[in-house]
């Protein structure tokens, strides 16, 4: 891939990134986790929170899962 022009590589990365973002909620959780960690590793750790917020706000399955876990977890008093 080193022989491809930088603009072509950037367009390919952008297109693949957008495709993954659109399909995120139908991907298996294991694949989501791997892609998330690869994305963080390709940038730096500072993107982790921003990426998590983006995914939780955009994808219903992700945000619904968070809401469900939050409403069914007992509180620290055993409730």
C-alpha atoms as a PDB file:
ATOM      1  CA  UNK A   1       0.000   0.000   0.000  1.00  0.00           C
ATOM      2  CA  UNK A   2       3.063   2.242   0.239  1.00  0.00           C
ATOM      3  CA  UNK A   3       2.977   2.861  -3.508  1.00  0.00           C
ATOM      4  CA  UNK A   4      -0.517   4.411  -3.398  1.00  0.00           C
ATOM      5  CA  UNK A   5      -0.782   8.203  -3.367  1.00  0.00           C
ATOM      6  CA  UNK A   6      -1.553   9.677   0.057  1.00  0.00           C
ATOM      7  CA  UNK A   7      -4.845  11.114  -1.225  1.00  0.00           C
ATOM      8  CA  UNK A   8      -6.035   7.676  -2.383  1.00  0.00           C
ATOM      9  CA  UNK A   9      -5.138   6.117   0.974  1.00  0.00           C
ATOM     10  CA  UNK A  10      -6.923   8.906   2.854  1.00  0.00           C
ATOM     11  CA  UNK A  11     -10.063   8.467   0.734  1.00  0.00           C
ATOM     12  CA  UNK A  12     -10.009   4.699   1.321  1.00  0.00           C
ATOM     13  CA  UNK A  13      -9.611   5.124   5.090  1.00  0.00           C
ATOM     14  CA  UNK A  14     -12.388   7.694   5.155  1.00  0.00           C
ATOM     15  CA  UNK A  15     -14.777   5.513   3.129  1.00  0.00           C
ATOM     16  CA  UNK A  16     -14.073   2.444   5.261  1.00  0.00           C
ATOM     17  CA  UNK A  17     -14.438   4.456   8.460  1.00  0.00           C
ATOM     18  CA  UNK A  18     -17.787   5.842   7.388  1.00  0.00           C
ATOM     19  CA  UNK A  19     -18.995   2.389   6.365  1.00  0.00           C
ATOM     20  CA  UNK A  20     -18.014   0.926   9.732  1.00  0.00           C
ATOM     21  CA  UNK A  21     -19.683   3.810  11.583  1.00  0.00           C
ATOM     22  CA  UNK A  22     -22.939   3.269   9.656  1.00  0.00           C
ATOM     23  CA  UNK A  23     -22.903  -0.495  10.261  1.00  0.00           C
ATOM     24  CA  UNK A  24     -21.705  -0.314  13.887  1.00  0.00           C
ATOM     25  CA  UNK A  25     -24.965  -1.319  15.572  1.00  0.00           C
ATOM     26  CA  UNK A  26     -25.258  -4.565  13.586  1.00  0.00           C
ATOM     27  CA  UNK A  27     -21.685  -5.696  14.212  1.00  0.00           C
ATOM     28  CA  UNK A  28     -21.033  -8.353  16.855  1.00  0.00           C
ATOM     29  CA  UNK A  29     -19.798  -6.905  20.136  1.00  0.00           C
ATOM     30  CA  UNK A  30     -16.428  -8.648  19.790  1.00  0.00           C
ATOM     31  CA  UNK A  31     -15.876  -6.949  16.414  1.00  0.00           C
ATOM     32  CA  UNK A  32     -17.024  -3.597  17.819  1.00  0.00           C
ATOM     33  CA  UNK A  33     -14.501  -3.900  20.639  1.00  0.00           C
ATOM     34  CA  UNK A  34     -11.660  -4.827  18.297  1.00  0.00           C
ATOM     35  CA  UNK A  35     -12.449  -1.995  15.876  1.00  0.00           C
ATOM     36  CA  UNK A  36     -12.768   0.472  18.756  1.00  0.00           C
ATOM     37  CA  UNK A  37      -9.382  -0.527  20.176  1.00  0.00           C
ATOM     38  CA  UNK A  38      -7.771  -0.412  16.709  1.00  0.00           C
ATOM     39  CA  UNK A  39      -9.183   3.074  16.178  1.00  0.00           C
ATOM     40  CA  UNK A  40      -7.810   4.268  19.515  1.00  0.00           C
ATOM     41  CA  UNK A  41      -4.461   2.641  18.748  1.00  0.00           C
ATOM     42  CA  UNK A  42      -4.257   4.337  15.365  1.00  0.00           C
ATOM     43  CA  UNK A  43      -4.616   7.761  16.996  1.00  0.00           C
ATOM     44  CA  UNK A  44      -3.789   8.190  20.638  1.00  0.00           C
ATOM     45  CA  UNK A  45      -5.531   7.517  23.908  1.00  0.00           C
ATOM     46  CA  UNK A  46      -7.151  10.960  23.928  1.00  0.00           C
ATOM     47  CA  UNK A  47      -9.623   9.842  21.203  1.00  0.00           C
ATOM     48  CA  UNK A  48     -11.035   7.022  23.390  1.00  0.00           C
ATOM     49  CA  UNK A  49     -13.601   9.158  25.242  1.00  0.00           C
ATOM     50  CA  UNK A  50     -14.648  11.139  22.162  1.00  0.00           C
ATOM     51  CA  UNK A  51     -15.117   7.960  20.132  1.00  0.00           C
ATOM     52  CA  UNK A  52     -17.116   6.282  22.900  1.00  0.00           C
ATOM     53  CA  UNK A  53     -19.398   9.308  23.250  1.00  0.00           C
ATOM     54  CA  UNK A  54     -19.936   9.413  19.482  1.00  0.00           C
ATOM     55  CA  UNK A  55     -20.843   5.726  19.295  1.00  0.00           C
ATOM     56  CA  UNK A  56     -23.150   5.831  22.331  1.00  0.00           C
ATOM     57  CA  UNK A  57     -25.028   8.854  20.992  1.00  0.00           C
ATOM     58  CA  UNK A  58     -25.355   7.690  17.401  1.00  0.00           C
ATOM     59  CA  UNK A  59     -26.231   4.004  17.720  1.00  0.00           C
ATOM     60  CA  UNK A  60     -29.443   2.936  19.378  1.00  0.00           C
ATOM     61  CA  UNK A  61     -28.305  -0.586  20.251  1.00  0.00           C
ATOM     62  CA  UNK A  62     -25.305   0.811  22.086  1.00  0.00           C
ATOM     63  CA  UNK A  63     -27.252   3.516  23.929  1.00  0.00           C
ATOM     64  CA  UNK A  64     -30.204   1.214  24.665  1.00  0.00           C
ATOM     65  CA  UNK A  65     -27.821  -1.298  26.196  1.00  0.00           C
ATOM     66  CA  UNK A  66     -26.331   1.385  28.419  1.00  0.00           C
ATOM     67  CA  UNK A  67     -29.780   2.559  29.521  1.00  0.00           C
ATOM     68  CA  UNK A  68     -30.910  -1.011  30.232  1.00  0.00           C
ATOM     69  CA  UNK A  69     -27.818  -1.765  32.308  1.00  0.00           C
ATOM     70  CA  UNK A  70     -28.187   1.487  34.217  1.00  0.00           C
ATOM     71  CA  UNK A  71     -31.843   0.887  35.081  1.00  0.00           C
ATOM     72  CA  UNK A  72     -31.367  -2.749  36.181  1.00  0.00           C
ATOM     73  CA  UNK A  73     -28.190  -2.518  38.215  1.00  0.00           C
ATOM     74  CA  UNK A  74     -28.699  -2.520  41.968  1.00  0.00           C
ATOM     75  CA  UNK A  75     -27.469   0.507  43.846  1.00  0.00           C
ATOM     76  CA  UNK A  76     -24.655   0.328  46.378  1.00  0.00           C
ATOM     77  CA  UNK A  77     -27.179  -0.033  49.204  1.00  0.00           C
ATOM     78  CA  UNK A  78     -28.436  -3.343  47.880  1.00  0.00           C
ATOM     79  CA  UNK A  79     -31.579  -1.906  46.266  1.00  0.00           C
END
